[in-house]
Amino acid sequence: MQVNIHQAKTQLSQLLARVEAGEEVVIARAGKPVAKLVKLDSTLKRRVPGRYRGQGYIAPDFDEPMRDFEDAFYGS
């Protein structure tokens, strides 16, 4: 289904009901599609804090000055 912006503004509740029923709604400006309303996937997984613990690495010299970069940026 395609609607213009004015229709989308005035009939948003009805359009959302159609989207919840599984329909996709395209919003158009001057007949050209600019956005699509689709139902969100309700099976999104909740984030688990610490899931990637131990998988990252920060070098011991992470916050040390980068001499090569400084020389290139500021000149030797």
PDB file of N, CA and C in Angstrom:
ATOM      1  N   MET A   1       0.840  -1.171   0.000  1.00  0.00           N
ATOM      2  CA  MET A   1       0.000   0.000   0.000  1.00  0.00           C
ATOM      3  C   MET A   1       0.886   1.235   0.000  1.00  0.00           C
ATOM      4  N   GLN A   2       0.512   2.246  -0.765  1.00  0.00           N
ATOM      5  CA  GLN A   2       1.260   3.494  -0.812  1.00  0.00           C
ATOM      6  C   GLN A   2       0.319   4.648  -0.468  1.00  0.00           C
ATOM      7  N   VAL A   3       0.800   5.542   0.417  1.00  0.00           N
ATOM      8  CA  VAL A   3       0.022   6.715   0.799  1.00  0.00           C
ATOM      9  C   VAL A   3       0.902   7.947   0.687  1.00  0.00           C
ATOM     10  N   ASN A   4       0.273   9.109   0.546  1.00  0.00           N
ATOM     11  CA  ASN A   4       1.071  10.330   0.515  1.00  0.00           C
ATOM     12  C   ASN A   4       1.305  10.815   1.951  1.00  0.00           C
ATOM     13  N   ILE A   5       2.149  11.802   2.105  1.00  0.00           N
ATOM     14  CA  ILE A   5       2.530  12.267   3.439  1.00  0.00           C
ATOM     15  C   ILE A   5       1.324  12.796   4.205  1.00  0.00           C
ATOM     16  N   HIS A   6       0.451  13.524   3.545  1.00  0.00           N
ATOM     17  CA  HIS A   6      -0.727  14.068   4.226  1.00  0.00           C
ATOM     18  C   HIS A   6      -1.589  12.933   4.784  1.00  0.00           C
ATOM     19  N   GLN A   7      -1.827  11.909   3.982  1.00  0.00           N
ATOM     20  CA  GLN A   7      -2.607  10.759   4.450  1.00  0.00           C
ATOM     21  C   GLN A   7      -1.910  10.097   5.634  1.00  0.00           C
ATOM     22  N   ALA A   8      -0.596   9.962   5.556  1.00  0.00           N
ATOM     23  CA  ALA A   8       0.147   9.320   6.640  1.00  0.00           C
ATOM     24  C   ALA A   8      -0.006  10.101   7.936  1.00  0.00           C
ATOM     25  N   LYS A   9       0.025  11.430   7.843  1.00  0.00           N
ATOM     26  CA  LYS A   9      -0.120  12.252   9.047  1.00  0.00           C
ATOM     27  C   LYS A   9      -1.526  12.144   9.634  1.00  0.00           C
ATOM     28  N   THR A  10      -2.516  12.160   8.787  1.00  0.00           N
ATOM     29  CA  THR A  10      -3.894  12.168   9.293  1.00  0.00           C
ATOM     30  C   THR A  10      -4.404  10.777   9.661  1.00  0.00           C
ATOM     31  N   GLN A  11      -3.818   9.720   9.101  1.00  0.00           N
ATOM     32  CA  GLN A  11      -4.316   8.364   9.340  1.00  0.00           C
ATOM     33  C   GLN A  11      -3.261   7.457   9.957  1.00  0.00           C
ATOM     34  N   LEU A  12      -2.361   8.027  10.735  1.00  0.00           N
ATOM     35  CA  LEU A  12      -1.253   7.236  11.271  1.00  0.00           C
ATOM     36  C   LEU A  12      -1.738   6.036  12.090  1.00  0.00           C
ATOM     37  N   SER A  13      -2.732   6.231  12.940  1.00  0.00           N
ATOM     38  CA  SER A  13      -3.215   5.118  13.767  1.00  0.00           C
ATOM     39  C   SER A  13      -3.725   3.969  12.914  1.00  0.00           C
ATOM     40  N   GLN A  14      -4.495   4.285  11.876  1.00  0.00           N
ATOM     41  CA  GLN A  14      -5.019   3.239  10.997  1.00  0.00           C
ATOM     42  C   GLN A  14      -3.885   2.558  10.227  1.00  0.00           C
ATOM     43  N   LEU A  15      -2.912   3.340   9.798  1.00  0.00           N
ATOM     44  CA  LEU A  15      -1.779   2.752   9.069  1.00  0.00           C
ATOM     45  C   LEU A  15      -0.984   1.828   9.975  1.00  0.00           C
ATOM     46  N   LEU A  16      -0.790   2.239  11.220  1.00  0.00           N
ATOM     47  CA  LEU A  16      -0.059   1.373  12.159  1.00  0.00           C
ATOM     48  C   LEU A  16      -0.819   0.078  12.421  1.00  0.00           C
ATOM     49  N   ALA A  17      -2.126   0.138  12.465  1.00  0.00           N
ATOM     50  CA  ALA A  17      -2.923  -1.080  12.641  1.00  0.00           C
ATOM     51  C   ALA A  17      -2.714  -2.025  11.463  1.00  0.00           C
ATOM     52  N   ARG A  18      -2.646  -1.471  10.265  1.00  0.00           N
ATOM     53  CA  ARG A  18      -2.405  -2.309   9.082  1.00  0.00           C
ATOM     54  C   ARG A  18      -1.002  -2.912   9.124  1.00  0.00           C
ATOM     55  N   VAL A  19      -0.041  -2.113   9.558  1.00  0.00           N
ATOM     56  CA  VAL A  19       1.333  -2.611   9.666  1.00  0.00           C
ATOM     57  C   VAL A  19       1.410  -3.723  10.694  1.00  0.00           C
ATOM     58  N   GLU A  20       0.728  -3.548  11.829  1.00  0.00           N
ATOM     59  CA  GLU A  20       0.720  -4.596  12.857  1.00  0.00           C
ATOM     60  C   GLU A  20       0.106  -5.886  12.334  1.00  0.00           C
ATOM     61  N   ALA A  21      -0.793  -5.768  11.374  1.00  0.00           N
ATOM     62  CA  ALA A  21      -1.422  -6.946  10.766  1.00  0.00           C
ATOM     63  C   ALA A  21      -0.517  -7.601   9.721  1.00  0.00           C
ATOM     64  N   GLY A  22       0.662  -6.996   9.476  1.00  0.00           N
ATOM     65  CA  GLY A  22       1.608  -7.613   8.559  1.00  0.00           C
ATOM     66  C   GLY A  22       1.769  -6.908   7.227  1.00  0.00           C
ATOM     67  N   GLU A  23       1.020  -5.854   7.004  1.00  0.00           N
ATOM     68  CA  GLU A  23       1.097  -5.136   5.738  1.00  0.00           C
ATOM     69  C   GLU A  23       2.245  -4.117   5.772  1.00  0.00           C
ATOM     70  N   GLU A  24       2.847  -3.856   4.636  1.00  0.00           N
ATOM     71  CA  GLU A  24       3.856  -2.809   4.529  1.00  0.00           C
ATOM     72  C   GLU A  24       3.209  -1.581   3.916  1.00  0.00           C
ATOM     73  N   VAL A  25       3.542  -0.413   4.461  1.00  0.00           N
ATOM     74  CA  VAL A  25       2.978   0.838   3.972  1.00  0.00           C
ATOM     75  C   VAL A  25       4.121   1.721   3.501  1.00  0.00           C
ATOM     76  N   VAL A  26       4.044   2.167   2.256  1.00  0.00           N
ATOM     77  CA  VAL A  26       5.048   3.057   1.686  1.00  0.00           C
ATOM     78  C   VAL A  26       4.499   4.474   1.739  1.00  0.00           C
ATOM     79  N   ILE A  27       5.313   5.405   2.242  1.00  0.00           N
ATOM     80  CA  ILE A  27       4.921   6.807   2.292  1.00  0.00           C
ATOM     81  C   ILE A  27       5.639   7.526   1.155  1.00  0.00           C
ATOM     82  N   ALA A  28       4.875   8.274   0.372  1.00  0.00           N
ATOM     83  CA  ALA A  28       5.424   8.924  -0.817  1.00  0.00           C
ATOM     84  C   ALA A  28       5.246  10.434  -0.741  1.00  0.00           C
ATOM     85  N   ARG A  29       6.168  11.143  -1.372  1.00  0.00           N
ATOM     86  CA  ARG A  29       6.077  12.594  -1.537  1.00  0.00           C
ATOM     87  C   ARG A  29       6.007  12.836  -3.042  1.00  0.00           C
ATOM     88  N   ALA A  30       4.933  13.481  -3.468  1.00  0.00           N
ATOM     89  CA  ALA A  30       4.709  13.764  -4.892  1.00  0.00           C
ATOM     90  C   ALA A  30       4.784  12.479  -5.721  1.00  0.00           C
ATOM     91  N   GLY A  31       4.265  11.384  -5.161  1.00  0.00           N
ATOM     92  CA  GLY A  31       4.226  10.121  -5.888  1.00  0.00           C
ATOM     93  C   GLY A  31       5.503   9.308  -5.852  1.00  0.00           C
ATOM     94  N   LYS A  32       6.568   9.848  -5.230  1.00  0.00           N
ATOM     95  CA  LYS A  32       7.835   9.128  -5.164  1.00  0.00           C
ATOM     96  C   LYS A  32       8.032   8.573  -3.752  1.00  0.00           C
ATOM     97  N   PRO A  33       8.236   7.256  -3.618  1.00  0.00           N
ATOM     98  CA  PRO A  33       8.408   6.648  -2.295  1.00  0.00           C
ATOM     99  C   PRO A  33       9.611   7.237  -1.552  1.00  0.00           C
ATOM    100  N   VAL A  34       9.392   7.553  -0.270  1.00  0.00           N
ATOM    101  CA  VAL A  34      10.484   8.089   0.555  1.00  0.00           C
ATOM    102  C   VAL A  34      10.678   7.309   1.847  1.00  0.00           C
ATOM    103  N   ALA A  35       9.682   6.546   2.271  1.00  0.00           N
ATOM    104  CA  ALA A  35       9.809   5.785   3.524  1.00  0.00           C
ATOM    105  C   ALA A  35       8.894   4.567   3.474  1.00  0.00           C
ATOM    106  N   LYS A  36       9.220   3.589   4.345  1.00  0.00           N
ATOM    107  CA  LYS A  36       8.403   2.389   4.414  1.00  0.00           C
ATOM    108  C   LYS A  36       8.137   2.065   5.878  1.00  0.00           C
ATOM    109  N   LEU A  37       6.864   1.836   6.211  1.00  0.00           N
ATOM    110  CA  LEU A  37       6.504   1.386   7.550  1.00  0.00           C
ATOM    111  C   LEU A  37       6.397  -0.134   7.515  1.00  0.00           C
ATOM    112  N   VAL A  38       7.148  -0.783   8.378  1.00  0.00           N
ATOM    113  CA  VAL A  38       7.096  -2.242   8.465  1.00  0.00           C
ATOM    114  C   VAL A  38       7.025  -2.635   9.932  1.00  0.00           C
ATOM    115  N   LYS A  39       6.496  -3.785  10.186  1.00  0.00           N
ATOM    116  CA  LYS A  39       6.374  -4.289  11.551  1.00  0.00           C
ATOM    117  C   LYS A  39       7.758  -4.665  12.066  1.00  0.00           C
ATOM    118  N   LEU A  40       8.028  -4.272  13.319  1.00  0.00           N
ATOM    119  CA  LEU A  40       9.297  -4.631  13.932  1.00  0.00           C
ATOM    120  C   LEU A  40       9.307  -6.104  14.288  1.00  0.00           C
ATOM    121  N   ASP A  41      10.475  -6.691  14.208  1.00  0.00           N
ATOM    122  CA  ASP A  41      10.649  -8.085  14.590  1.00  0.00           C
ATOM    123  C   ASP A  41      10.587  -8.167  16.106  1.00  0.00           C
ATOM    124  N   SER A  42       9.559  -8.793  16.633  1.00  0.00           N
ATOM    125  CA  SER A  42       9.389  -8.864  18.087  1.00  0.00           C
ATOM    126  C   SER A  42      10.272  -9.921  18.727  1.00  0.00           C
ATOM    127  N   THR A  43      11.051 -10.632  17.918  1.00  0.00           N
ATOM    128  CA  THR A  43      11.912 -11.675  18.469  1.00  0.00           C
ATOM    129  C   THR A  43      13.329 -11.174  18.711  1.00  0.00           C
ATOM    130  N   LEU A  44      13.477  -9.852  18.808  1.00  0.00           N
ATOM    131  CA  LEU A  44      14.803  -9.309  19.074  1.00  0.00           C
ATOM    132  C   LEU A  44      15.307  -9.825  20.411  1.00  0.00           C
ATOM    133  N   LYS A  45      16.553 -10.223  20.438  1.00  0.00           N
ATOM    134  CA  LYS A  45      17.130 -10.761  21.660  1.00  0.00           C
ATOM    135  C   LYS A  45      17.584  -9.624  22.570  1.00  0.00           C
ATOM    136  N   ARG A  46      17.412  -9.822  23.835  1.00  0.00           N
ATOM    137  CA  ARG A  46      17.874  -8.840  24.810  1.00  0.00           C
ATOM    138  C   ARG A  46      19.384  -8.906  24.892  1.00  0.00           C
ATOM    139  N   ARG A  47      19.980  -7.736  25.138  1.00  0.00           N
ATOM    140  CA  ARG A  47      21.432  -7.678  25.277  1.00  0.00           C
ATOM    141  C   ARG A  47      21.844  -8.338  26.586  1.00  0.00           C
ATOM    142  N   VAL A  48      22.958  -9.026  26.537  1.00  0.00           N
ATOM    143  CA  VAL A  48      23.497  -9.688  27.722  1.00  0.00           C
ATOM    144  C   VAL A  48      24.793  -8.984  28.089  1.00  0.00           C
ATOM    145  N   PRO A  49      24.803  -8.251  29.193  1.00  0.00           N
ATOM    146  CA  PRO A  49      26.029  -7.553  29.586  1.00  0.00           C
ATOM    147  C   PRO A  49      27.177  -8.537  29.799  1.00  0.00           C
ATOM    148  N   GLY A  50      28.330  -8.172  29.294  1.00  0.00           N
ATOM    149  CA  GLY A  50      29.510  -9.006  29.481  1.00  0.00           C
ATOM    150  C   GLY A  50      29.624 -10.167  28.527  1.00  0.00           C
ATOM    151  N   ARG A  51      28.783 -10.213  27.518  1.00  0.00           N
ATOM    152  CA  ARG A  51      28.797 -11.348  26.593  1.00  0.00           C
ATOM    153  C   ARG A  51      30.160 -11.510  25.910  1.00  0.00           C
ATOM    154  N   TYR A  52      30.829 -10.411  25.634  1.00  0.00           N
ATOM    155  CA  TYR A  52      32.106 -10.470  24.922  1.00  0.00           C
ATOM    156  C   TYR A  52      33.299 -10.248  25.841  1.00  0.00           C
ATOM    157  N   ARG A  53      33.091 -10.422  27.142  1.00  0.00           N
ATOM    158  CA  ARG A  53      34.177 -10.246  28.096  1.00  0.00           C
ATOM    159  C   ARG A  53      35.335 -11.182  27.746  1.00  0.00           C
ATOM    160  N   GLY A  54      36.536 -10.625  27.757  1.00  0.00           N
ATOM    161  CA  GLY A  54      37.722 -11.417  27.481  1.00  0.00           C
ATOM    162  C   GLY A  54      38.039 -11.565  26.007  1.00  0.00           C
ATOM    163  N   GLN A  55      37.214 -11.043  25.123  1.00  0.00           N
ATOM    164  CA  GLN A  55      37.452 -11.204  23.699  1.00  0.00           C
ATOM    165  C   GLN A  55      38.136  -9.995  23.076  1.00  0.00           C
ATOM    166  N   GLY A  56      38.276  -8.929  23.836  1.00  0.00           N
ATOM    167  CA  GLY A  56      38.937  -7.739  23.318  1.00  0.00           C
ATOM    168  C   GLY A  56      40.356  -7.643  23.845  1.00  0.00           C
ATOM    169  N   TYR A  57      41.137  -6.772  23.236  1.00  0.00           N
ATOM    170  CA  TYR A  57      42.522  -6.602  23.649  1.00  0.00           C
ATOM    171  C   TYR A  57      42.903  -5.138  23.522  1.00  0.00           C
ATOM    172  N   ILE A  58      43.497  -4.593  24.561  1.00  0.00           N
ATOM    173  CA  ILE A  58      44.028  -3.242  24.525  1.00  0.00           C
ATOM    174  C   ILE A  58      45.518  -3.344  24.810  1.00  0.00           C
ATOM    175  N   ALA A  59      46.310  -2.871  23.883  1.00  0.00           N
ATOM    176  CA  ALA A  59      47.767  -2.937  24.028  1.00  0.00           C
ATOM    177  C   ALA A  59      48.208  -2.107  25.235  1.00  0.00           C
ATOM    178  N   PRO A  60      49.278  -2.520  25.898  1.00  0.00           N
ATOM    179  CA  PRO A  60      49.761  -1.772  27.059  1.00  0.00           C
ATOM    180  C   PRO A  60      50.145  -0.333  26.719  1.00  0.00           C
ATOM    181  N   ASP A  61      50.553  -0.075  25.487  1.00  0.00           N
ATOM    182  CA  ASP A  61      50.956   1.275  25.096  1.00  0.00           C
ATOM    183  C   ASP A  61      49.829   2.030  24.390  1.00  0.00           C
ATOM    184  N   PHE A  62      48.597   1.652  24.650  1.00  0.00           N
ATOM    185  CA  PHE A  62      47.440   2.242  23.982  1.00  0.00           C
ATOM    186  C   PHE A  62      47.417   3.767  24.080  1.00  0.00           C
ATOM    187  N   ASP A  63      47.695   4.286  25.251  1.00  0.00           N
ATOM    188  CA  ASP A  63      47.593   5.732  25.441  1.00  0.00           C
ATOM    189  C   ASP A  63      48.929   6.463  25.328  1.00  0.00           C
ATOM    190  N   GLU A  64      49.947   5.786  24.846  1.00  0.00           N
ATOM    191  CA  GLU A  64      51.247   6.427  24.640  1.00  0.00           C
ATOM    192  C   GLU A  64      51.200   7.269  23.359  1.00  0.00           C
ATOM    193  N   PRO A  65      51.973   8.326  23.293  1.00  0.00           N
ATOM    194  CA  PRO A  65      52.006   9.140  22.076  1.00  0.00           C
ATOM    195  C   PRO A  65      52.459   8.320  20.868  1.00  0.00           C
ATOM    196  N   MET A  66      51.873   8.619  19.730  1.00  0.00           N
ATOM    197  CA  MET A  66      52.241   7.942  18.490  1.00  0.00           C
ATOM    198  C   MET A  66      53.273   8.818  17.789  1.00  0.00           C
ATOM    199  N   ARG A  67      54.524   8.518  17.979  1.00  0.00           N
ATOM    200  CA  ARG A  67      55.600   9.369  17.477  1.00  0.00           C
ATOM    201  C   ARG A  67      55.549   9.541  15.960  1.00  0.00           C
ATOM    202  N   ASP A  68      55.315   8.464  15.232  1.00  0.00           N
ATOM    203  CA  ASP A  68      55.259   8.566  13.770  1.00  0.00           C
ATOM    204  C   ASP A  68      54.141   9.505  13.333  1.00  0.00           C
ATOM    205  N   PHE A  69      52.990   9.393  13.998  1.00  0.00           N
ATOM    206  CA  PHE A  69      51.856  10.240  13.670  1.00  0.00           C
ATOM    207  C   PHE A  69      52.164  11.698  14.018  1.00  0.00           C
ATOM    208  N   GLU A  70      52.708  11.906  15.191  1.00  0.00           N
ATOM    209  CA  GLU A  70      53.029  13.279  15.609  1.00  0.00           C
ATOM    210  C   GLU A  70      54.060  13.900  14.666  1.00  0.00           C
ATOM    211  N   ASP A  71      55.060  13.125  14.253  1.00  0.00           N
ATOM    212  CA  ASP A  71      56.057  13.654  13.328  1.00  0.00           C
ATOM    213  C   ASP A  71      55.403  14.017  11.983  1.00  0.00           C
ATOM    214  N   ALA A  72      54.518  13.168  11.514  1.00  0.00           N
ATOM    215  CA  ALA A  72      53.858  13.435  10.244  1.00  0.00           C
ATOM    216  C   ALA A  72      52.913  14.630  10.356  1.00  0.00           C
ATOM    217  N   PHE A  73      52.258  14.759  11.489  1.00  0.00           N
ATOM    218  CA  PHE A  73      51.278  15.821  11.658  1.00  0.00           C
ATOM    219  C   PHE A  73      51.935  17.185  11.945  1.00  0.00           C
ATOM    220  N   TYR A  74      52.858  17.158  12.871  1.00  0.00           N
ATOM    221  CA  TYR A  74      53.488  18.414  13.290  1.00  0.00           C
ATOM    222  C   TYR A  74      54.795  18.712  12.543  1.00  0.00           C
ATOM    223  N   GLY A  75      55.349  17.716  11.910  1.00  0.00           N
ATOM    224  CA  GLY A  75      56.643  17.868  11.243  1.00  0.00           C
ATOM    225  C   GLY A  75      57.774  17.538  12.184  1.00  0.00           C
ATOM    226  N   SER A  76      58.846  17.079  11.653  1.00  0.00           N
ATOM    227  CA  SER A  76      59.976  16.672  12.492  1.00  0.00           C
ATOM    228  C   SER A  76      60.829  17.856  12.880  1.00  0.00           C
TER     229      SER A  76
END
